Amino acid sequence: RGGYADAERVESYEFTRDGVIRRTVEADGGE
């Protein structure tokens, strides 16, 4: 439940106003 759970996979995107996207995937102990 809730905040006690650890995600197996986290995928994040960071955006800049000038059109740059950075993608990060964390899974299986790697990045």
ModelCIF file with pLDDT and N, C-alpha, C, O atoms, coordinates in Angstrom:
data_MODEL
#
_entry.id   MODEL 
#
_entity.id                         1 
_entity.type                       polymer 
_entity.pdbx_number_of_molecules   1 
#
_entity_poly.entity_id                      1 
_entity_poly.type                           'polypeptide(L)' 
_entity_poly.nstd_linkage                   no 
_entity_poly.nstd_monomer                   no 
_entity_poly.pdbx_seq_one_letter_code       RGGYADAERVESYEFTRDGVIRRTVEADGGE 
_entity_poly.pdbx_seq_one_letter_code_can   RGGYADAERVESYEFTRDGVIRRTVEADGGE 
_entity_poly.pdbx_strand_id                 A 
#
loop_
_entity_poly_seq.entity_id 
_entity_poly_seq.num 
_entity_poly_seq.mon_id 
_entity_poly_seq.hetero 
1 1  ARG n 
1 2  GLY n 
1 3  GLY n 
1 4  TYR n 
1 5  ALA n 
1 6  ASP n 
1 7  ALA n 
1 8  GLU n 
1 9  ARG n 
1 10 VAL n 
1 11 GLU n 
1 12 SER n 
1 13 TYR n 
1 14 GLU n 
1 15 PHE n 
1 16 THR n 
1 17 ARG n 
1 18 ASP n 
1 19 GLY n 
1 20 VAL n 
1 21 ILE n 
1 22 ARG n 
1 23 ARG n 
1 24 THR n 
1 25 VAL n 
1 26 GLU n 
1 27 ALA n 
1 28 ASP n 
1 29 GLY n 
1 30 GLY n 
1 31 GLU n 
#
_struct_asym.id          A 
_struct_asym.entity_id   1 
#
loop_
_ma_qa_metric.id 
_ma_qa_metric.mode 
_ma_qa_metric.name 
_ma_qa_metric.software_group_id 
_ma_qa_metric.type 
1 global pLDDT . pLDDT 
2 local  pLDDT . pLDDT 
#
_ma_qa_metric_global.metric_id      1 
_ma_qa_metric_global.metric_value   94.26 
_ma_qa_metric_global.model_id       1 
_ma_qa_metric_global.ordinal_id     1 
#
loop_
_ma_qa_metric_local.label_asym_id 
_ma_qa_metric_local.label_comp_id 
_ma_qa_metric_local.label_seq_id 
_ma_qa_metric_local.metric_id 
_ma_qa_metric_local.metric_value 
_ma_qa_metric_local.model_id 
_ma_qa_metric_local.ordinal_id 
A ARG 1  2 89.00 1 1  
A GLY 2  2 80.00 1 2  
A GLY 3  2 79.00 1 3  
A TYR 4  2 84.00 1 4  
A ALA 5  2 88.00 1 5  
A ASP 6  2 91.00 1 6  
A ALA 7  2 95.00 1 7  
A GLU 8  2 95.00 1 8  
A ARG 9  2 97.00 1 9  
A VAL 10 2 98.00 1 10 
A GLU 11 2 98.00 1 11 
A SER 12 2 98.00 1 12 
A TYR 13 2 97.00 1 13 
A GLU 14 2 98.00 1 14 
A PHE 15 2 97.00 1 15 
A THR 16 2 97.00 1 16 
A ARG 17 2 97.00 1 17 
A ASP 18 2 96.00 1 18 
A GLY 19 2 96.00 1 19 
A VAL 20 2 97.00 1 20 
A ILE 21 2 97.00 1 21 
A ARG 22 2 98.00 1 22 
A ARG 23 2 98.00 1 23 
A THR 24 2 98.00 1 24 
A VAL 25 2 98.00 1 25 
A GLU 26 2 97.00 1 26 
A ALA 27 2 96.00 1 27 
A ASP 28 2 89.00 1 28 
A GLY 29 2 91.00 1 29 
A GLY 30 2 96.00 1 30 
A GLU 31 2 97.00 1 31 
#
loop_
_atom_site.group_PDB 
_atom_site.id 
_atom_site.type_symbol 
_atom_site.label_atom_id 
_atom_site.label_alt_id 
_atom_site.label_comp_id 
_atom_site.label_asym_id 
_atom_site.label_entity_id 
_atom_site.label_seq_id 
_atom_site.pdbx_PDB_ins_code 
_atom_site.Cartn_x 
_atom_site.Cartn_y 
_atom_site.Cartn_z 
_atom_site.occupancy 
_atom_site.B_iso_or_equiv 
_atom_site.pdbx_formal_charge 
_atom_site.auth_seq_id 
_atom_site.auth_comp_id 
_atom_site.auth_asym_id 
_atom_site.auth_atom_id 
_atom_site.pdbx_PDB_model_num 
ATOM 1   N N  . ARG A 1 1  ? 0.810  -1.203 0.000   1.00 89.00 ? 1  ARG A N  1 
ATOM 2   C CA . ARG A 1 1  ? 0.000  0.000  0.000   1.00 89.00 ? 1  ARG A CA 1 
ATOM 3   C C  . ARG A 1 1  ? 0.852  1.266  0.000   1.00 89.00 ? 1  ARG A C  1 
ATOM 4   O O  . ARG A 1 1  ? 1.996  1.270  0.457   1.00 89.00 ? 1  ARG A O  1 
ATOM 5   N N  . GLY A 1 2  ? 0.272  2.323  -0.517  1.00 80.00 ? 2  GLY A N  1 
ATOM 6   C CA . GLY A 1 2  ? 0.785  3.679  -0.422  1.00 80.00 ? 2  GLY A CA 1 
ATOM 7   C C  . GLY A 1 2  ? 2.277  3.860  -0.495  1.00 80.00 ? 2  GLY A C  1 
ATOM 8   O O  . GLY A 1 2  ? 2.945  3.298  -1.362  1.00 80.00 ? 2  GLY A O  1 
ATOM 9   N N  . GLY A 1 3  ? 2.799  4.652  0.426   1.00 79.00 ? 3  GLY A N  1 
ATOM 10  C CA . GLY A 1 3  ? 4.201  5.016  0.443   1.00 79.00 ? 3  GLY A CA 1 
ATOM 11  C C  . GLY A 1 3  ? 5.141  3.914  0.879   1.00 79.00 ? 3  GLY A C  1 
ATOM 12  O O  . GLY A 1 3  ? 6.356  4.109  0.884   1.00 79.00 ? 3  GLY A O  1 
ATOM 13  N N  . TYR A 1 4  ? 4.600  2.747  1.249   1.00 84.00 ? 4  TYR A N  1 
ATOM 14  C CA . TYR A 1 4  ? 5.459  1.633  1.654   1.00 84.00 ? 4  TYR A CA 1 
ATOM 15  C C  . TYR A 1 4  ? 5.956  0.818  0.462   1.00 84.00 ? 4  TYR A C  1 
ATOM 16  O O  . TYR A 1 4  ? 6.886  0.023  0.601   1.00 84.00 ? 4  TYR A O  1 
ATOM 17  N N  . ALA A 1 5  ? 5.359  1.005  -0.680  1.00 88.00 ? 5  ALA A N  1 
ATOM 18  C CA . ALA A 1 5  ? 5.690  0.209  -1.856  1.00 88.00 ? 5  ALA A CA 1 
ATOM 19  C C  . ALA A 1 5  ? 6.920  0.768  -2.576  1.00 88.00 ? 5  ALA A C  1 
ATOM 20  O O  . ALA A 1 5  ? 7.103  1.981  -2.681  1.00 88.00 ? 5  ALA A O  1 
ATOM 21  N N  . ASP A 1 6  ? 7.745  -0.138 -3.060  1.00 91.00 ? 6  ASP A N  1 
ATOM 22  C CA . ASP A 1 6  ? 8.883  0.235  -3.900  1.00 91.00 ? 6  ASP A CA 1 
ATOM 23  C C  . ASP A 1 6  ? 8.567  -0.148 -5.341  1.00 91.00 ? 6  ASP A C  1 
ATOM 24  O O  . ASP A 1 6  ? 8.183  -1.282 -5.626  1.00 91.00 ? 6  ASP A O  1 
ATOM 25  N N  . ALA A 1 7  ? 8.732  0.802  -6.232  1.00 95.00 ? 7  ALA A N  1 
ATOM 26  C CA . ALA A 1 7  ? 8.468  0.531  -7.643  1.00 95.00 ? 7  ALA A CA 1 
ATOM 27  C C  . ALA A 1 7  ? 9.565  -0.362 -8.217  1.00 95.00 ? 7  ALA A C  1 
ATOM 28  O O  . ALA A 1 7  ? 10.743 -0.212 -7.891  1.00 95.00 ? 7  ALA A O  1 
ATOM 29  N N  . GLU A 1 8  ? 9.156  -1.290 -9.077  1.00 95.00 ? 8  GLU A N  1 
ATOM 30  C CA . GLU A 1 8  ? 10.119 -2.134 -9.779  1.00 95.00 ? 8  GLU A CA 1 
ATOM 31  C C  . GLU A 1 8  ? 10.771 -1.370 -10.931 1.00 95.00 ? 8  GLU A C  1 
ATOM 32  O O  . GLU A 1 8  ? 11.917 -1.619 -11.305 1.00 95.00 ? 8  GLU A O  1 
ATOM 33  N N  . ARG A 1 9  ? 9.997  -0.429 -11.480 1.00 97.00 ? 9  ARG A N  1 
ATOM 34  C CA . ARG A 1 9  ? 10.479 0.328  -12.639 1.00 97.00 ? 9  ARG A CA 1 
ATOM 35  C C  . ARG A 1 9  ? 9.969  1.758  -12.516 1.00 97.00 ? 9  ARG A C  1 
ATOM 36  O O  . ARG A 1 9  ? 8.790  1.990  -12.252 1.00 97.00 ? 9  ARG A O  1 
ATOM 37  N N  . VAL A 1 10 ? 10.869 2.702  -12.710 1.00 98.00 ? 10 VAL A N  1 
ATOM 38  C CA . VAL A 1 10 ? 10.517 4.122  -12.702 1.00 98.00 ? 10 VAL A CA 1 
ATOM 39  C C  . VAL A 1 10 ? 11.021 4.726  -14.002 1.00 98.00 ? 10 VAL A C  1 
ATOM 40  O O  . VAL A 1 10 ? 12.200 4.610  -14.337 1.00 98.00 ? 10 VAL A O  1 
ATOM 41  N N  . GLU A 1 11 ? 10.126 5.367  -14.726 1.00 98.00 ? 11 GLU A N  1 
ATOM 42  C CA . GLU A 1 11 ? 10.498 6.024  -15.980 1.00 98.00 ? 11 GLU A CA 1 
ATOM 43  C C  . GLU A 1 11 ? 10.159 7.500  -15.856 1.00 98.00 ? 11 GLU A C  1 
ATOM 44  O O  . GLU A 1 11 ? 9.016  7.862  -15.577 1.00 98.00 ? 11 GLU A O  1 
ATOM 45  N N  . SER A 1 12 ? 11.155 8.349  -16.066 1.00 98.00 ? 12 SER A N  1 
ATOM 46  C CA . SER A 1 12 ? 10.917 9.780  -15.918 1.00 98.00 ? 12 SER A CA 1 
ATOM 47  C C  . SER A 1 12 ? 11.388 10.547 -17.152 1.00 98.00 ? 12 SER A C  1 
ATOM 48  O O  . SER A 1 12 ? 12.329 10.158 -17.844 1.00 98.00 ? 12 SER A O  1 
ATOM 49  N N  . TYR A 1 13 ? 10.696 11.641 -17.390 1.00 97.00 ? 13 TYR A N  1 
ATOM 50  C CA . TYR A 1 13 ? 11.009 12.543 -18.493 1.00 97.00 ? 13 TYR A CA 1 
ATOM 51  C C  . TYR A 1 13 ? 11.151 13.943 -17.915 1.00 97.00 ? 13 TYR A C  1 
ATOM 52  O O  . TYR A 1 13 ? 10.315 14.388 -17.128 1.00 97.00 ? 13 TYR A O  1 
ATOM 53  N N  . GLU A 1 14 ? 12.204 14.626 -18.308 1.00 98.00 ? 14 GLU A N  1 
ATOM 54  C CA . GLU A 1 14 ? 12.389 16.027 -17.948 1.00 98.00 ? 14 GLU A CA 1 
ATOM 55  C C  . GLU A 1 14 ? 12.318 16.834 -19.232 1.00 98.00 ? 14 GLU A C  1 
ATOM 56  O O  . GLU A 1 14 ? 12.920 16.469 -20.242 1.00 98.00 ? 14 GLU A O  1 
ATOM 57  N N  . PHE A 1 15 ? 11.575 17.938 -19.186 1.00 97.00 ? 15 PHE A N  1 
ATOM 58  C CA . PHE A 1 15 ? 11.356 18.767 -20.366 1.00 97.00 ? 15 PHE A CA 1 
ATOM 59  C C  . PHE A 1 15 ? 11.911 20.164 -20.135 1.00 97.00 ? 15 PHE A C  1 
ATOM 60  O O  . PHE A 1 15 ? 11.807 20.704 -19.033 1.00 97.00 ? 15 PHE A O  1 
ATOM 61  N N  . THR A 1 16 ? 12.497 20.747 -21.164 1.00 97.00 ? 16 THR A N  1 
ATOM 62  C CA . THR A 1 16 ? 12.912 22.146 -21.098 1.00 97.00 ? 16 THR A CA 1 
ATOM 63  C C  . THR A 1 16 ? 12.084 22.927 -22.105 1.00 97.00 ? 16 THR A C  1 
ATOM 64  O O  . THR A 1 16 ? 11.583 22.375 -23.085 1.00 97.00 ? 16 THR A O  1 
ATOM 65  N N  . ARG A 1 17 ? 11.953 24.213 -21.846 1.00 97.00 ? 17 ARG A N  1 
ATOM 66  C CA . ARG A 1 17 ? 11.149 25.060 -22.736 1.00 97.00 ? 17 ARG A CA 1 
ATOM 67  C C  . ARG A 1 17 ? 11.756 25.189 -24.116 1.00 97.00 ? 17 ARG A C  1 
ATOM 68  O O  . ARG A 1 17 ? 11.054 25.534 -25.067 1.00 97.00 ? 17 ARG A O  1 
ATOM 69  N N  . ASP A 1 18 ? 13.057 24.918 -24.248 1.00 96.00 ? 18 ASP A N  1 
ATOM 70  C CA . ASP A 1 18 ? 13.687 25.024 -25.569 1.00 96.00 ? 18 ASP A CA 1 
ATOM 71  C C  . ASP A 1 18 ? 13.715 23.688 -26.312 1.00 96.00 ? 18 ASP A C  1 
ATOM 72  O O  . ASP A 1 18 ? 14.459 23.538 -27.282 1.00 96.00 ? 18 ASP A O  1 
ATOM 73  N N  . GLY A 1 19 ? 12.911 22.715 -25.866 1.00 96.00 ? 19 GLY A N  1 
ATOM 74  C CA . GLY A 1 19 ? 12.723 21.493 -26.642 1.00 96.00 ? 19 GLY A CA 1 
ATOM 75  C C  . GLY A 1 19 ? 13.679 20.355 -26.372 1.00 96.00 ? 19 GLY A C  1 
ATOM 76  O O  . GLY A 1 19 ? 13.884 19.511 -27.245 1.00 96.00 ? 19 GLY A O  1 
ATOM 77  N N  . VAL A 1 20 ? 14.267 20.304 -25.198 1.00 97.00 ? 20 VAL A N  1 
ATOM 78  C CA . VAL A 1 20 ? 15.115 19.173 -24.823 1.00 97.00 ? 20 VAL A CA 1 
ATOM 79  C C  . VAL A 1 20 ? 14.316 18.258 -23.895 1.00 97.00 ? 20 VAL A C  1 
ATOM 80  O O  . VAL A 1 20 ? 13.672 18.716 -22.952 1.00 97.00 ? 20 VAL A O  1 
ATOM 81  N N  . ILE A 1 21 ? 14.373 16.957 -24.182 1.00 97.00 ? 21 ILE A N  1 
ATOM 82  C CA . ILE A 1 21 ? 13.735 15.959 -23.321 1.00 97.00 ? 21 ILE A CA 1 
ATOM 83  C C  . ILE A 1 21 ? 14.812 14.990 -22.861 1.00 97.00 ? 21 ILE A C  1 
ATOM 84  O O  . ILE A 1 21 ? 15.578 14.455 -23.663 1.00 97.00 ? 21 ILE A O  1 
ATOM 85  N N  . ARG A 1 22 ? 14.853 14.779 -21.559 1.00 98.00 ? 22 ARG A N  1 
ATOM 86  C CA . ARG A 1 22 ? 15.763 13.792 -20.978 1.00 98.00 ? 22 ARG A CA 1 
ATOM 87  C C  . ARG A 1 22 ? 14.920 12.675 -20.391 1.00 98.00 ? 22 ARG A C  1 
ATOM 88  O O  . ARG A 1 22 ? 14.022 12.920 -19.586 1.00 98.00 ? 22 ARG A O  1 
ATOM 89  N N  . ARG A 1 23 ? 15.211 11.449 -20.798 1.00 98.00 ? 23 ARG A N  1 
ATOM 90  C CA . ARG A 1 23 ? 14.472 10.274 -20.329 1.00 98.00 ? 23 ARG A CA 1 
ATOM 91  C C  . ARG A 1 23 ? 15.401 9.419  -19.471 1.00 98.00 ? 23 ARG A C  1 
ATOM 92  O O  . ARG A 1 23 ? 16.548 9.169  -19.840 1.00 98.00 ? 23 ARG A O  1 
ATOM 93  N N  . THR A 1 24 ? 14.893 8.975  -18.322 1.00 98.00 ? 24 THR A N  1 
ATOM 94  C CA . THR A 1 24 ? 15.631 8.084  -17.438 1.00 98.00 ? 24 THR A CA 1 
ATOM 95  C C  . THR A 1 24 ? 14.738 6.917  -17.083 1.00 98.00 ? 24 THR A C  1 
ATOM 96  O O  . THR A 1 24 ? 13.578 7.103  -16.713 1.00 98.00 ? 24 THR A O  1 
ATOM 97  N N  . VAL A 1 25 ? 15.279 5.706  -17.196 1.00 98.00 ? 25 VAL A N  1 
ATOM 98  C CA . VAL A 1 25 ? 14.558 4.494  -16.801 1.00 98.00 ? 25 VAL A CA 1 
ATOM 99  C C  . VAL A 1 25 ? 15.399 3.787  -15.746 1.00 98.00 ? 25 VAL A C  1 
ATOM 100 O O  . VAL A 1 25 ? 16.564 3.463  -15.976 1.00 98.00 ? 25 VAL A O  1 
ATOM 101 N N  . GLU A 1 26 ? 14.791 3.554  -14.591 1.00 97.00 ? 26 GLU A N  1 
ATOM 102 C CA . GLU A 1 26 ? 15.442 2.813  -13.522 1.00 97.00 ? 26 GLU A CA 1 
ATOM 103 C C  . GLU A 1 26 ? 14.703 1.490  -13.353 1.00 97.00 ? 26 GLU A C  1 
ATOM 104 O O  . GLU A 1 26 ? 13.509 1.477  -13.050 1.00 97.00 ? 26 GLU A O  1 
ATOM 105 N N  . ALA A 1 27 ? 15.407 0.380  -13.547 1.00 96.00 ? 27 ALA A N  1 
ATOM 106 C CA . ALA A 1 27 ? 14.800 -0.943 -13.425 1.00 96.00 ? 27 ALA A CA 1 
ATOM 107 C C  . ALA A 1 27 ? 15.893 -1.980 -13.210 1.00 96.00 ? 27 ALA A C  1 
ATOM 108 O O  . ALA A 1 27 ? 17.019 -1.820 -13.681 1.00 96.00 ? 27 ALA A O  1 
ATOM 109 N N  . ASP A 1 28 ? 15.549 -3.035 -12.497 1.00 89.00 ? 28 ASP A N  1 
ATOM 110 C CA . ASP A 1 28 ? 16.474 -4.159 -12.290 1.00 89.00 ? 28 ASP A CA 1 
ATOM 111 C C  . ASP A 1 28 ? 17.831 -3.710 -11.764 1.00 89.00 ? 28 ASP A C  1 
ATOM 112 O O  . ASP A 1 28 ? 18.861 -4.270 -12.140 1.00 89.00 ? 28 ASP A O  1 
ATOM 113 N N  . GLY A 1 29 ? 17.834 -2.705 -10.899 1.00 91.00 ? 29 GLY A N  1 
ATOM 114 C CA . GLY A 1 29 ? 19.076 -2.226 -10.309 1.00 91.00 ? 29 GLY A CA 1 
ATOM 115 C C  . GLY A 1 29 ? 19.945 -1.389 -11.231 1.00 91.00 ? 29 GLY A C  1 
ATOM 116 O O  . GLY A 1 29 ? 21.034 -0.972 -10.839 1.00 91.00 ? 29 GLY A O  1 
ATOM 117 N N  . GLY A 1 30 ? 19.487 -1.138 -12.440 1.00 96.00 ? 30 GLY A N  1 
ATOM 118 C CA . GLY A 1 30 ? 20.258 -0.350 -13.396 1.00 96.00 ? 30 GLY A CA 1 
ATOM 119 C C  . GLY A 1 30 ? 19.537 0.918  -13.788 1.00 96.00 ? 30 GLY A C  1 
ATOM 120 O O  . GLY A 1 30 ? 18.393 1.157  -13.400 1.00 96.00 ? 30 GLY A O  1 
ATOM 121 N N  . GLU A 1 31 ? 20.231 1.718  -14.561 1.00 97.00 ? 31 GLU A N  1 
ATOM 122 C CA . GLU A 1 31 ? 19.673 2.980  -15.009 1.00 97.00 ? 31 GLU A CA 1 
ATOM 123 C C  . GLU A 1 31 ? 20.066 3.222  -16.463 1.00 97.00 ? 31 GLU A C  1 
ATOM 124 O O  . GLU A 1 31 ? 19.694 4.243  -17.041 1.00 97.00 ? 31 GLU A O  1 
#
